[in-house]
Amino acid sequence: MHAKAVASGLFEVELVDLAEVRLPFLDEPNHPRLKQYVNAHTKEWSATVDRADAYVFVTPEYNHSFPGVLKNALDYLHHEWQHKPAGFVSYGGVSGGTRAVTGLRHVVSTLKMVPVMEGVIIPFVPQFIGEDGTLHPNDVMEAGADAMFAELARYSGALGAMRQPVA
């Protein structure tokens, strides 16, 4: 998805891997709505999220939901997510991660993000992983990614005014 986003030419793309971000379980003493962060890792995470105008969340599905590390990363912040579109790429077994995305849609909507309907679903993901360890998408995944990126670009532009401070 990263290479496809770059190739689209619609965005300046930054890949953020939560395994590398390594946020501890939410440890801020103040509610995220107050934006009174005391920990360096939270301030860094805030800056990372704040500089983006749109997001693509790539998530597996476990036990009919998305991973706790993703929920934790979302819960750390509040204002930084607002009025930005979100796209989803999900993978798993027979459902392709759709149940994880269903849960994510509720969470991002609560954060005042706008989830786009277009996305990428990868059922039985091992069949698309080559011997080189990379994903080899089929035509349906490619078309879904193209449609998702186009919608993210539209929404990002339309929501831009809402991300500006109110006088």
C-alpha atoms as a PDB file:
ATOM      1  CA  MET A   1       0.000   0.000   0.000  1.00  0.00           C
ATOM      2  CA  HIS A   2       2.862   2.373   0.743  1.00  0.00           C
ATOM      3  CA  ALA A   3       4.347   2.002  -2.749  1.00  0.00           C
ATOM      4  CA  LYS A   4       0.895   2.318  -4.329  1.00  0.00           C
ATOM      5  CA  ALA A   5       0.149   5.499  -2.336  1.00  0.00           C
ATOM      6  CA  VAL A   6       3.448   7.016  -3.432  1.00  0.00           C
ATOM      7  CA  ALA A   7       2.827   5.993  -7.044  1.00  0.00           C
ATOM      8  CA  SER A   8      -0.619   7.605  -7.005  1.00  0.00           C
ATOM      9  CA  GLY A   9       1.024  11.022  -6.790  1.00  0.00           C
ATOM     10  CA  LEU A  10      -1.909  12.262  -4.717  1.00  0.00           C
ATOM     11  CA  PHE A  11      -0.056  12.512  -1.414  1.00  0.00           C
ATOM     12  CA  GLU A  12       3.217  13.076   0.295  1.00  0.00           C
ATOM     13  CA  VAL A  13       3.354   9.675   1.978  1.00  0.00           C
ATOM     14  CA  GLU A  14       4.782   8.754   5.361  1.00  0.00           C
ATOM     15  CA  LEU A  15       4.803   5.138   6.540  1.00  0.00           C
ATOM     16  CA  VAL A  16       4.216   4.772  10.270  1.00  0.00           C
ATOM     17  CA  ASP A  17       4.693   1.321  11.806  1.00  0.00           C
ATOM     18  CA  LEU A  18       3.217   1.049  15.293  1.00  0.00           C
ATOM     19  CA  ALA A  19       5.759  -1.676  16.089  1.00  0.00           C
ATOM     20  CA  GLU A  20       8.451   0.980  15.635  1.00  0.00           C
ATOM     21  CA  VAL A  21       6.511   3.752  17.418  1.00  0.00           C
ATOM     22  CA  ARG A  22       6.273   1.464  20.485  1.00  0.00           C
ATOM     23  CA  LEU A  23       3.739   3.452  22.481  1.00  0.00           C
ATOM     24  CA  PRO A  24       3.276   2.058  25.981  1.00  0.00           C
ATOM     25  CA  PHE A  25      -0.238   1.380  27.172  1.00  0.00           C
ATOM     26  CA  LEU A  26      -1.861   4.817  27.540  1.00  0.00           C
ATOM     27  CA  ASP A  27       0.115   6.480  30.324  1.00  0.00           C
ATOM     28  CA  GLU A  28      -0.781  10.156  30.151  1.00  0.00           C
ATOM     29  CA  PRO A  29      -2.189  11.650  33.377  1.00  0.00           C
ATOM     30  CA  ASN A  30      -4.570  13.975  31.496  1.00  0.00           C
ATOM     31  CA  HIS A  31      -7.386  13.192  29.084  1.00  0.00           C
ATOM     32  CA  PRO A  32      -6.250  13.494  25.433  1.00  0.00           C
ATOM     33  CA  ARG A  33      -8.897  16.181  24.805  1.00  0.00           C
ATOM     34  CA  LEU A  34      -6.885  18.540  26.997  1.00  0.00           C
ATOM     35  CA  LYS A  35      -3.767  18.100  24.816  1.00  0.00           C
ATOM     36  CA  GLN A  36      -1.615  18.532  27.940  1.00  0.00           C
ATOM     37  CA  TYR A  37       0.895  15.808  27.168  1.00  0.00           C
ATOM     38  CA  VAL A  38       3.715  15.148  29.614  1.00  0.00           C
ATOM     39  CA  ASN A  39       5.523  12.205  28.006  1.00  0.00           C
ATOM     40  CA  ALA A  40       8.003  12.611  25.151  1.00  0.00           C
ATOM     41  CA  HIS A  41       6.565   9.600  23.299  1.00  0.00           C
ATOM     42  CA  THR A  42       3.109  11.212  23.346  1.00  0.00           C
ATOM     43  CA  LYS A  43       4.441  14.536  22.091  1.00  0.00           C
ATOM     44  CA  GLU A  44       6.261  12.736  19.256  1.00  0.00           C
ATOM     45  CA  TRP A  45       3.146  10.716  18.407  1.00  0.00           C
ATOM     46  CA  SER A  46       1.062  13.903  18.454  1.00  0.00           C
ATOM     47  CA  ALA A  47       3.430  15.591  15.980  1.00  0.00           C
ATOM     48  CA  THR A  48       3.383  12.541  13.696  1.00  0.00           C
ATOM     49  CA  VAL A  49      -0.411  12.326  13.604  1.00  0.00           C
ATOM     50  CA  ASP A  50      -0.928  16.087  13.446  1.00  0.00           C
ATOM     51  CA  ARG A  51       1.126  16.576  10.268  1.00  0.00           C
ATOM     52  CA  ALA A  52      -1.002  14.167   8.204  1.00  0.00           C
ATOM     53  CA  ASP A  53      -4.089  15.204   6.259  1.00  0.00           C
ATOM     54  CA  ALA A  54      -5.386  11.664   5.638  1.00  0.00           C
ATOM     55  CA  TYR A  55      -4.731   8.158   6.914  1.00  0.00           C
ATOM     56  CA  VAL A  56      -4.766   4.601   5.692  1.00  0.00           C
ATOM     57  CA  PHE A  57      -4.977   2.070   8.487  1.00  0.00           C
ATOM     58  CA  VAL A  58      -3.663  -1.377   7.574  1.00  0.00           C
ATOM     59  CA  THR A  59      -4.988  -3.907  10.037  1.00  0.00           C
ATOM     60  CA  PRO A  60      -5.331  -7.621  10.566  1.00  0.00           C
ATOM     61  CA  GLU A  61      -8.412  -9.086  12.174  1.00  0.00           C
ATOM     62  CA  TYR A  62      -8.131 -11.030  15.401  1.00  0.00           C
ATOM     63  CA  ASN A  63     -11.186 -12.384  17.218  1.00  0.00           C
ATOM     64  CA  HIS A  64     -13.567 -10.255  15.132  1.00  0.00           C
ATOM     65  CA  SER A  65     -11.709  -7.018  15.909  1.00  0.00           C
ATOM     66  CA  PHE A  66      -8.588  -4.958  15.314  1.00  0.00           C
ATOM     67  CA  PRO A  67      -5.422  -5.242  17.430  1.00  0.00           C
ATOM     68  CA  GLY A  68      -5.132  -3.528  20.803  1.00  0.00           C
ATOM     69  CA  VAL A  69      -1.966  -1.700  19.741  1.00  0.00           C
ATOM     70  CA  LEU A  70      -4.014   0.171  17.116  1.00  0.00           C
ATOM     71  CA  LYS A  71      -6.744   1.058  19.634  1.00  0.00           C
ATOM     72  CA  ASN A  72      -4.088   2.305  22.046  1.00  0.00           C
ATOM     73  CA  ALA A  73      -2.485   4.473  19.341  1.00  0.00           C
ATOM     74  CA  LEU A  74      -5.852   5.999  18.480  1.00  0.00           C
ATOM     75  CA  ASP A  75      -6.761   6.593  22.131  1.00  0.00           C
ATOM     76  CA  TYR A  76      -3.543   8.490  22.885  1.00  0.00           C
ATOM     77  CA  LEU A  77      -4.732  11.551  20.967  1.00  0.00           C
ATOM     78  CA  HIS A  78      -7.908  13.447  20.226  1.00  0.00           C
ATOM     79  CA  HIS A  79      -7.618  16.751  18.361  1.00  0.00           C
ATOM     80  CA  GLU A  80      -4.886  15.515  16.019  1.00  0.00           C
ATOM     81  CA  TRP A  81      -7.264  13.027  14.351  1.00  0.00           C
ATOM     82  CA  GLN A  82     -10.195  15.398  13.805  1.00  0.00           C
ATOM     83  CA  HIS A  83     -11.590  16.304  10.394  1.00  0.00           C
ATOM     84  CA  LYS A  84      -9.299  13.966   8.491  1.00  0.00           C
ATOM     85  CA  PRO A  85     -10.360  11.107   6.234  1.00  0.00           C
ATOM     86  CA  ALA A  86      -9.485   7.502   6.985  1.00  0.00           C
ATOM     87  CA  GLY A  87      -9.161   4.586   4.602  1.00  0.00           C
ATOM     88  CA  PHE A  88      -8.769   0.939   5.552  1.00  0.00           C
ATOM     89  CA  VAL A  89      -6.820  -2.027   4.293  1.00  0.00           C
ATOM     90  CA  SER A  90      -7.704  -5.192   6.153  1.00  0.00           C
ATOM     91  CA  TYR A  91      -6.553  -8.757   5.983  1.00  0.00           C
ATOM     92  CA  GLY A  92      -7.304 -12.052   7.588  1.00  0.00           C
ATOM     93  CA  GLY A  93      -9.047 -15.301   6.871  1.00  0.00           C
ATOM     94  CA  VAL A  94     -12.416 -15.745   5.248  1.00  0.00           C
ATOM     95  CA  SER A  95     -13.690 -12.272   6.220  1.00  0.00           C
ATOM     96  CA  GLY A  96     -10.561 -10.497   5.005  1.00  0.00           C
ATOM     97  CA  GLY A  97     -10.597  -8.337   8.116  1.00  0.00           C
ATOM     98  CA  THR A  98     -13.971  -6.730   7.463  1.00  0.00           C
ATOM     99  CA  ARG A  99     -15.075  -7.151  11.076  1.00  0.00           C
ATOM    100  CA  ALA A 100     -11.948  -5.325  12.238  1.00  0.00           C
ATOM    101  CA  VAL A 101     -12.801  -2.438   9.924  1.00  0.00           C
ATOM    102  CA  THR A 102     -16.386  -2.372  11.199  1.00  0.00           C
ATOM    103  CA  GLY A 103     -15.054  -1.756  14.696  1.00  0.00           C
ATOM    104  CA  LEU A 104     -12.490   0.774  13.501  1.00  0.00           C
ATOM    105  CA  ARG A 105     -15.135   2.809  11.700  1.00  0.00           C
ATOM    106  CA  HIS A 106     -16.923   3.445  15.007  1.00  0.00           C
ATOM    107  CA  VAL A 107     -13.712   4.466  16.769  1.00  0.00           C
ATOM    108  CA  VAL A 108     -12.469   6.853  14.070  1.00  0.00           C
ATOM    109  CA  SER A 109     -15.928   8.404  13.721  1.00  0.00           C
ATOM    110  CA  THR A 110     -15.930   9.127  17.443  1.00  0.00           C
ATOM    111  CA  LEU A 111     -12.603  10.918  16.930  1.00  0.00           C
ATOM    112  CA  LYS A 112     -14.364  13.082  14.294  1.00  0.00           C
ATOM    113  CA  MET A 113     -12.555  11.421  11.419  1.00  0.00           C
ATOM    114  CA  VAL A 114     -14.394  10.645   8.190  1.00  0.00           C
ATOM    115  CA  PRO A 115     -14.072   7.008   7.109  1.00  0.00           C
ATOM    116  CA  VAL A 116     -14.272   6.520   3.348  1.00  0.00           C
ATOM    117  CA  MET A 117     -16.269   3.590   2.024  1.00  0.00           C
ATOM    118  CA  GLU A 118     -13.676   2.488  -0.502  1.00  0.00           C
ATOM    119  CA  GLY A 119     -10.939   0.207   0.772  1.00  0.00           C
ATOM    120  CA  VAL A 120      -8.980  -2.977   0.315  1.00  0.00           C
ATOM    121  CA  ILE A 121      -9.998  -6.344   1.745  1.00  0.00           C
ATOM    122  CA  ILE A 122      -7.519  -9.222   1.601  1.00  0.00           C
ATOM    123  CA  PRO A 123      -9.107 -12.587   2.444  1.00  0.00           C
ATOM    124  CA  PHE A 124      -6.879 -15.593   3.067  1.00  0.00           C
ATOM    125  CA  VAL A 125      -3.860 -13.297   2.930  1.00  0.00           C
ATOM    126  CA  PRO A 126      -1.157 -16.032   2.771  1.00  0.00           C
ATOM    127  CA  GLN A 127      -2.149 -16.846  -0.816  1.00  0.00           C
ATOM    128  CA  PHE A 128      -1.089 -13.321  -1.852  1.00  0.00           C
ATOM    129  CA  ILE A 129       2.299 -13.347  -0.133  1.00  0.00           C
ATOM    130  CA  GLY A 130       5.101 -14.290  -2.500  1.00  0.00           C
ATOM    131  CA  GLU A 131       8.286 -16.145  -1.678  1.00  0.00           C
ATOM    132  CA  ASP A 132       9.945 -12.732  -1.412  1.00  0.00           C
ATOM    133  CA  GLY A 133       7.658 -11.964   1.562  1.00  0.00           C
ATOM    134  CA  THR A 134       5.765  -9.185  -0.190  1.00  0.00           C
ATOM    135  CA  LEU A 135       2.090  -8.880  -0.990  1.00  0.00           C
ATOM    136  CA  HIS A 136       1.143  -9.515  -4.606  1.00  0.00           C
ATOM    137  CA  PRO A 137      -2.308  -7.934  -4.971  1.00  0.00           C
ATOM    138  CA  ASN A 138      -4.897  -9.055  -7.459  1.00  0.00           C
ATOM    139  CA  ASP A 139      -6.878  -6.730  -9.740  1.00  0.00           C
ATOM    140  CA  VAL A 140      -9.693  -6.288  -7.208  1.00  0.00           C
ATOM    141  CA  MET A 141      -7.240  -5.121  -4.529  1.00  0.00           C
ATOM    142  CA  GLU A 142      -5.529  -2.772  -6.977  1.00  0.00           C
ATOM    143  CA  ALA A 143      -8.846  -1.221  -8.005  1.00  0.00           C
ATOM    144  CA  GLY A 144      -9.932  -0.898  -4.378  1.00  0.00           C
ATOM    145  CA  ALA A 145      -6.687   0.871  -3.491  1.00  0.00           C
ATOM    146  CA  ASP A 146      -7.026   3.270  -6.425  1.00  0.00           C
ATOM    147  CA  ALA A 147     -10.602   4.134  -5.455  1.00  0.00           C
ATOM    148  CA  MET A 148      -9.647   4.559  -1.781  1.00  0.00           C
ATOM    149  CA  PHE A 149      -6.743   6.897  -2.554  1.00  0.00           C
ATOM    150  CA  ALA A 150      -8.935   8.984  -4.870  1.00  0.00           C
ATOM    151  CA  GLU A 151     -11.587   9.361  -2.157  1.00  0.00           C
ATOM    152  CA  LEU A 152      -8.996  10.178   0.501  1.00  0.00           C
ATOM    153  CA  ALA A 153      -7.645  12.954  -1.724  1.00  0.00           C
ATOM    154  CA  ARG A 154     -11.159  14.347  -2.289  1.00  0.00           C
ATOM    155  CA  TYR A 155     -12.107  14.270   1.366  1.00  0.00           C
ATOM    156  CA  SER A 156      -8.763  15.621   2.529  1.00  0.00           C
ATOM    157  CA  GLY A 157      -9.217  18.687   0.338  1.00  0.00           C
ATOM    158  CA  ALA A 158     -12.829  19.168   1.349  1.00  0.00           C
ATOM    159  CA  LEU A 159     -12.077  18.788   5.070  1.00  0.00           C
ATOM    160  CA  GLY A 160      -9.029  21.070   4.955  1.00  0.00           C
ATOM    161  CA  ALA A 161     -11.011  24.151   5.933  1.00  0.00           C
ATOM    162  CA  MET A 162     -12.369  22.339   8.986  1.00  0.00           C
ATOM    163  CA  ARG A 163      -8.824  21.704  10.194  1.00  0.00           C
ATOM    164  CA  GLN A 164      -8.100  25.431  10.316  1.00  0.00           C
ATOM    165  CA  PRO A 165      -8.416  27.286  13.635  1.00  0.00           C
ATOM    166  CA  VAL A 166     -11.721  29.084  14.107  1.00  0.00           C
ATOM    167  CA  ALA A 167     -11.347  32.861  14.510  1.00  0.00           C
END
